Protein backbone atom coordinates (compact mmCIF):
# COMPACT_ATOMS: atom_id res chain seq x y z
CA MET A 1 139.28 2.42 55.13
CA LYS A 2 139.55 5.68 53.12
CA THR A 3 139.55 5.08 49.60
CA TRP A 4 139.80 7.40 46.55
CA VAL A 5 139.08 6.47 43.10
CA TYR A 6 140.80 8.46 40.52
CA ILE A 7 138.53 8.89 37.22
CA ASP A 8 140.65 8.87 34.18
CA HIS A 9 138.72 10.47 31.33
CA PHE A 10 139.66 12.05 28.00
CA ASN A 11 137.53 14.84 25.87
CA GLY A 12 134.83 14.11 28.52
CA GLN A 13 134.32 10.62 28.14
CA VAL A 14 134.96 8.89 31.25
CA VAL A 15 137.15 5.33 30.86
CA GLY A 16 134.40 2.73 32.06
CA ALA A 17 136.63 1.09 34.58
CA SER A 18 136.63 4.23 36.38
CA TRP A 19 132.87 3.68 37.46
CA GLU A 20 133.83 -0.17 38.07
CA ALA A 21 136.46 0.87 40.22
CA LEU A 22 134.24 3.13 42.34
CA GLY A 23 132.03 0.35 42.53
CA LEU A 24 134.58 -1.64 44.12
CA ALA A 25 135.31 0.97 46.42
CA LYS A 26 131.84 1.44 47.66
CA THR A 27 131.99 -2.31 48.81
CA PHE A 28 134.77 -1.04 51.53
CA GLY A 29 132.83 1.93 52.88
CA PRO A 30 132.58 5.56 51.95
CA ALA A 31 134.53 6.43 48.79
CA SER A 32 135.75 9.77 47.36
CA ALA A 33 136.18 10.35 43.45
CA VAL A 34 139.07 12.05 42.46
CA ILE A 35 138.82 14.05 39.22
CA PHE A 36 141.67 16.12 37.41
CA GLY A 37 141.23 18.48 34.36
CA VAL A 38 139.20 21.81 33.31
CA GLY A 39 135.38 22.08 33.43
CA LEU A 40 134.65 19.21 35.61
CA GLY A 41 131.05 19.63 36.58
CA ASP A 42 129.36 17.20 34.36
CA LEU A 43 132.00 14.75 35.59
CA ALA A 44 131.61 15.36 39.02
CA LYS A 45 127.93 14.89 38.44
CA GLN A 46 128.44 11.42 37.11
CA ALA A 47 130.64 10.38 39.67
CA PHE A 48 127.76 11.14 42.65
CA GLU A 49 125.18 9.35 40.41
CA PHE A 50 127.69 6.14 40.16
CA GLY A 51 128.01 6.38 44.01
CA ALA A 52 130.78 8.63 45.37
CA ASP A 53 130.25 9.88 48.41
CA GLU A 54 132.50 12.85 47.88
CA VAL A 55 134.19 14.31 44.83
CA LEU A 56 137.84 16.15 44.81
CA LEU A 57 138.38 18.06 41.84
CA ALA A 58 141.36 19.76 40.56
CA ASP A 59 140.02 21.94 37.97
CA ASP A 60 142.66 24.16 36.34
CA ALA A 61 143.85 25.20 32.99
CA SER A 62 147.33 23.73 33.70
CA LEU A 63 145.50 20.31 33.86
CA LYS A 64 143.59 20.46 30.52
CA ASP A 65 145.88 18.15 28.94
CA PHE A 66 147.33 14.76 30.64
CA ARG A 67 150.95 15.41 31.51
CA PRO A 68 152.49 13.07 34.28
CA GLU A 69 154.41 15.28 35.90
CA THR A 70 151.79 17.45 36.87
CA TYR A 71 149.13 15.04 37.28
CA ALA A 72 151.20 12.77 39.69
CA ALA A 73 152.34 15.86 41.66
CA THR A 74 148.67 16.89 42.29
CA LEU A 75 148.01 13.47 43.50
CA THR A 76 150.79 13.30 45.58
CA ALA A 77 150.07 16.47 47.31
CA ALA A 78 146.26 15.78 47.79
CA ALA A 79 147.21 11.96 49.11
CA SER A 80 150.21 12.65 51.60
CA ALA A 81 147.46 13.03 54.10
CA GLY A 82 144.47 11.62 52.79
CA PRO A 83 143.55 8.03 52.07
CA ASN A 84 144.56 4.34 52.88
CA LEU A 85 143.72 3.08 49.34
CA VAL A 86 143.97 4.95 45.92
CA LEU A 87 142.04 2.78 43.37
CA LEU A 88 142.72 3.44 39.52
CA PRO A 89 141.79 2.01 36.21
CA ASN A 90 144.76 -0.03 34.70
CA THR A 91 145.02 2.55 31.70
CA SER A 92 148.69 3.89 30.70
CA ARG A 93 147.92 7.25 31.92
CA ALA A 94 146.21 6.08 35.33
CA ARG A 95 149.58 3.44 35.62
CA GLU A 96 152.07 6.21 35.04
CA MET A 97 150.77 8.54 37.27
CA ALA A 98 150.45 6.08 40.09
CA ALA A 99 153.68 5.11 39.69
CA MET A 100 155.08 8.46 39.97
CA ALA A 101 153.00 9.14 42.88
CA ALA A 102 153.78 5.76 44.63
CA LEU A 103 157.43 6.76 44.54
CA ASP A 104 156.97 10.39 45.76
CA LEU A 105 155.11 8.79 48.67
CA ASN A 106 157.52 5.84 49.48
CA SER A 107 154.86 3.20 48.57
CA GLY A 108 154.07 0.94 46.12
CA VAL A 109 151.53 0.03 43.28
CA LEU A 110 149.51 -3.31 42.47
CA VAL A 111 149.07 -3.50 38.89
CA ASP A 112 146.44 -5.25 36.78
CA VAL A 113 144.40 -6.43 39.33
CA THR A 114 141.42 -8.87 39.15
CA GLY A 115 140.25 -9.24 42.87
CA LEU A 116 140.49 -7.24 45.67
CA GLU A 117 139.57 -8.08 49.51
CA LEU A 118 140.34 -6.36 52.91
CA ASP A 119 142.40 -7.54 55.91
CA GLY A 120 142.11 -4.79 58.29
CA GLU A 121 143.33 -1.71 56.92
CA LYS A 122 145.40 -3.86 54.30
CA VAL A 123 144.41 -4.80 50.63
CA ILE A 124 145.02 -8.28 49.18
CA ALA A 125 144.84 -8.45 45.53
CA THR A 126 144.60 -10.97 43.08
CA ARG A 127 146.46 -10.64 39.52
CA PRO A 128 147.02 -13.30 36.74
CA ILE A 129 150.84 -14.17 36.41
CA TYR A 130 152.89 -16.52 33.85
CA GLU A 131 150.92 -15.60 30.96
CA GLY A 132 147.51 -15.77 32.96
CA LYS A 133 147.76 -19.35 33.84
CA LEU A 134 148.38 -18.69 37.53
CA PHE A 135 146.93 -15.85 39.96
CA GLU A 136 148.98 -14.74 42.80
CA LYS A 137 147.77 -12.87 45.92
CA ILE A 138 149.92 -9.70 46.90
CA THR A 139 150.09 -6.93 49.17
CA CYS A 140 151.59 -3.41 49.68
CA SER A 141 152.89 -2.68 53.35
CA ALA A 142 152.94 1.06 52.84
CA ASN A 143 150.43 3.74 52.93
CA PRO A 144 148.55 4.66 50.78
CA GLN A 145 148.12 1.65 48.74
CA PHE A 146 147.67 2.24 45.05
CA VAL A 147 145.96 -0.30 42.87
CA THR A 148 145.20 -0.30 39.15
CA LEU A 149 142.33 -2.35 38.35
CA ARG A 150 141.95 -4.41 35.15
CA GLY A 151 138.60 -3.33 33.17
CA ARG A 152 135.52 -5.32 33.13
CA ALA A 153 136.83 -7.38 36.11
CA PHE A 154 134.49 -5.94 38.35
CA PRO A 155 130.76 -4.87 37.87
CA ARG A 156 129.67 -1.27 36.95
CA PRO A 157 127.42 0.29 39.78
CA ALA A 158 124.19 1.20 38.75
CA SER A 159 123.39 4.96 38.15
CA GLN A 160 121.44 7.00 40.62
CA PRO A 161 120.16 9.85 38.68
CA GLY A 162 119.85 13.35 40.87
CA LYS A 163 122.21 11.99 43.42
CA SER A 164 124.55 14.70 44.90
CA GLY A 165 127.14 15.22 47.55
CA ALA A 166 130.01 17.55 48.71
CA THR A 167 132.86 18.96 46.31
CA THR A 168 136.23 19.79 47.40
CA HIS A 169 138.52 21.46 45.38
CA LEU A 170 142.18 20.30 45.38
CA PRO A 171 145.35 22.86 44.71
CA VAL A 172 147.35 22.07 41.47
CA ALA A 173 150.85 20.90 42.70
CA GLY A 174 154.27 20.64 40.47
CA GLU A 175 154.99 22.23 37.16
CA SER A 176 155.24 20.48 33.75
CA LEU A 177 158.38 20.72 31.51
CA THR A 178 156.44 19.26 28.68
CA SER A 179 153.56 20.50 26.45
CA VAL A 180 150.96 18.93 24.23
CA GLU A 181 150.88 20.02 20.52
CA GLY A 182 147.65 18.10 19.59
CA TYR A 183 146.35 14.54 19.35
CA GLU A 184 145.88 12.22 16.21
CA PRO A 185 143.47 9.51 16.56
CA GLY A 186 145.01 5.92 16.70
CA GLU A 187 141.34 4.08 16.73
CA SER A 188 137.87 4.50 15.89
CA GLY A 189 134.72 2.81 17.07
CA VAL A 190 134.18 0.87 20.03
CA SER A 191 137.29 0.62 22.79
CA LEU A 192 138.50 -2.79 22.92
CA ALA A 193 139.23 -2.32 26.67
CA ASP A 194 135.68 -1.58 27.45
CA ALA A 195 134.06 -3.77 24.70
CA GLY A 196 131.17 -6.19 25.88
CA VAL A 197 131.40 -7.95 22.36
CA VAL A 198 134.85 -8.51 20.55
CA VAL A 199 135.10 -9.94 16.99
CA SER A 200 138.59 -10.79 15.75
CA GLY A 201 140.32 -11.97 12.78
CA GLY A 202 143.64 -13.61 12.50
CA ARG A 203 145.80 -14.67 9.25
CA GLY A 204 142.76 -16.86 8.28
CA VAL A 205 140.98 -13.74 6.74
CA SER A 206 143.65 -13.84 3.74
CA ASN A 207 142.83 -17.50 2.96
CA ASN A 208 140.14 -17.48 0.31
CA PRO A 209 141.54 -18.77 -3.05
CA SER A 210 137.94 -18.51 -4.76
CA LEU A 211 137.75 -14.63 -4.55
CA GLY A 212 140.71 -14.56 -7.05
CA LEU A 213 142.38 -11.73 -5.23
CA ASP A 214 145.86 -11.60 -3.71
CA GLU A 215 146.87 -11.78 -0.02
CA LYS A 216 145.90 -8.21 1.07
CA ALA A 217 142.94 -7.86 -0.69
CA THR A 218 141.45 -11.26 0.52
CA ALA A 219 142.40 -10.20 3.94
CA GLN A 220 140.88 -6.72 3.56
CA LYS A 221 137.45 -8.64 2.49
CA GLY A 222 137.86 -10.98 5.64
CA PHE A 223 137.77 -7.95 7.89
CA GLU A 224 134.99 -6.61 6.30
CA LEU A 225 133.03 -9.46 7.49
CA VAL A 226 134.52 -9.11 10.78
CA ALA A 227 133.65 -5.56 11.13
CA GLU A 228 129.92 -5.94 9.95
CA LEU A 229 129.49 -8.84 12.39
CA ALA A 230 131.14 -6.65 15.10
CA GLY A 231 129.04 -3.67 13.94
CA VAL A 232 125.70 -5.68 14.57
CA LEU A 233 126.69 -6.87 17.93
CA GLY A 234 127.90 -3.15 19.11
CA GLY A 235 131.26 -4.72 19.29
CA ALA A 236 134.70 -4.10 18.86
CA ILE A 237 137.06 -4.94 16.05
CA GLY A 238 140.12 -7.08 17.07
CA ALA A 239 143.02 -9.02 15.57
CA SER A 240 145.78 -11.30 16.07
CA ARG A 241 149.34 -10.50 16.37
CA ALA A 242 149.85 -12.86 12.70
CA ALA A 243 147.25 -10.46 11.42
CA VAL A 244 148.75 -7.04 12.62
CA ASP A 245 152.64 -8.18 11.45
CA ALA A 246 151.22 -9.13 7.83
CA GLY A 247 149.58 -5.57 7.64
CA TYR A 248 146.05 -6.41 7.37
CA ILE A 249 145.17 -4.18 10.22
CA PRO A 250 146.63 -1.42 12.42
CA TYR A 251 148.36 -2.54 15.58
CA SER A 252 145.57 -0.43 17.91
CA SER A 253 143.54 -3.58 17.06
CA GLN A 254 145.86 -6.48 18.35
CA VAL A 255 144.55 -8.58 21.09
CA GLY A 256 147.15 -10.98 23.03
CA GLN A 257 150.27 -10.50 25.26
CA THR A 258 151.83 -7.87 23.01
CA GLY A 259 148.73 -6.12 22.34
CA LYS A 260 145.49 -5.35 24.29
CA VAL A 261 143.98 -7.81 27.08
CA VAL A 262 140.26 -7.75 26.74
CA SER A 263 137.52 -9.19 29.09
CA PRO A 264 134.36 -8.79 26.92
CA ASP A 265 131.20 -11.12 27.36
CA LEU A 266 131.55 -12.79 24.10
CA TYR A 267 134.70 -13.02 22.31
CA ILE A 268 134.69 -14.11 18.46
CA ALA A 269 137.47 -15.34 16.97
CA ALA A 270 137.94 -15.84 13.13
CA GLY A 271 140.61 -17.68 11.55
CA ILE A 272 142.81 -17.63 14.49
CA SER A 273 144.71 -20.44 15.32
CA GLY A 274 145.17 -19.67 19.06
CA ALA A 275 149.29 -18.82 19.79
CA ILE A 276 149.61 -18.65 23.94
CA GLN A 277 150.45 -14.83 23.14
CA HIS A 278 146.95 -14.74 22.06
CA ILE A 279 145.08 -16.74 24.49
CA VAL A 280 146.80 -14.56 27.21
CA GLY A 281 144.98 -11.37 26.14
CA ILE A 282 141.44 -13.27 26.01
CA ARG A 283 141.43 -15.38 29.25
CA GLY A 284 139.20 -12.86 30.68
CA ALA A 285 136.51 -13.30 28.18
CA LYS A 286 133.43 -15.05 29.53
CA VAL A 287 132.45 -16.89 26.33
CA VAL A 288 134.94 -17.72 23.20
CA VAL A 289 133.54 -18.82 20.03
CA ALA A 290 136.27 -20.13 17.47
CA ILE A 291 135.91 -20.37 13.70
CA ASN A 292 138.62 -22.11 11.86
CA LYS A 293 139.10 -24.63 9.21
CA ASP A 294 141.86 -26.48 11.24
CA ALA A 295 139.79 -28.70 13.69
CA GLU A 296 143.13 -29.15 15.48
CA ALA A 297 143.73 -25.22 15.94
CA PRO A 298 144.76 -24.48 19.65
CA ILE A 299 142.00 -21.88 20.04
CA PHE A 300 139.35 -24.73 20.16
CA GLN A 301 141.03 -25.83 23.55
CA VAL A 302 139.69 -22.34 25.43
CA ALA A 303 136.47 -21.91 23.07
CA ARG A 304 133.08 -22.80 24.58
CA TYR A 305 131.62 -23.15 21.03
CA GLY A 306 133.78 -24.11 18.17
CA VAL A 307 132.88 -24.27 14.29
CA VAL A 308 135.31 -26.03 11.96
CA GLY A 309 134.66 -24.43 8.55
CA ASP A 310 135.10 -21.48 6.31
CA LEU A 311 134.74 -17.94 8.13
CA PHE A 312 133.97 -16.59 4.57
CA THR A 313 130.88 -18.78 4.57
CA PHE A 314 130.17 -18.71 8.37
CA LEU A 315 130.57 -15.12 9.36
CA PRO A 316 127.95 -13.87 6.87
CA ALA A 317 125.42 -16.37 7.78
CA LEU A 318 126.18 -15.81 11.56
CA THR A 319 125.75 -11.84 10.91
CA ALA A 320 122.43 -12.48 8.97
CA ALA A 321 120.98 -14.58 11.90
CA PHE A 322 121.87 -11.73 14.28
CA LYS A 323 120.45 -9.02 12.29
CA LYS A 324 117.22 -11.17 12.14
CA LYS A 325 117.35 -11.97 15.68
CA LEU A 326 118.24 -8.02 16.93
CA GLY A 327 115.80 -6.79 14.25
CA LYS A 328 118.56 -4.75 12.56
């Protein structure tokens, strides 16, 4: 099995799921890391240290910004006589590029995969369906097989400082008809997709009459408590769709079927009732802690630990306990 792993990155920061994909590839045999962009020396070094046996670089000024036409054409040209399997992280950039390259090569893409095994030269992928209630096993009959992997579904390999290997330069193919004029940050802090801990707030963050504030101001106070706990734990801030729709917090923090699917080690849901659309987004969480005044809230059905109480009382106490335990 000849496996390539596409290393997705932005401004020199690699998407964590890229290294997870590389670790998975190594369980099948030798793996090559594929990196596109400009000034890729440091990223190539990291790829070797995370286990790549070979690094394939397309280092050119035309690849400075991600543009799907050029990136997909370059991947298509390189993969046409190359690997049996191409693994990519399940980011919007990688999914778009994989779909275009697979179309050009008359192949297919297995997306949002959470499990992968080999049957000879064919891979059998496991992925969630029906809002995560079931899992299906699927295969791709064409070659190369493109697979996008859900973040944090596979372990990240340990870094091996000083490891090196052979580097091959790939030619750039295709010409883009678009240009990138600039970027505007959509979110800050720890990425939801990569976070080991996520603390989320729901409509309940606006429910505290004792503050004597209007709904939005109360919600702001509630999310300040959510943010403080997330900060102490080194985690990301999330939210339910209800909180986003109410204007309490930007869409970039939404967790759920119509937001981001997360797979943290710890997920704390404060004031979230637990609609099925939200549950879909947290099925990959290893431990769920729910805090809600309503003892009948559906979120308690998926939580390992549940607290029936007021988040405005419990979150400060929990934050203080973690600060003491962590020495912060």
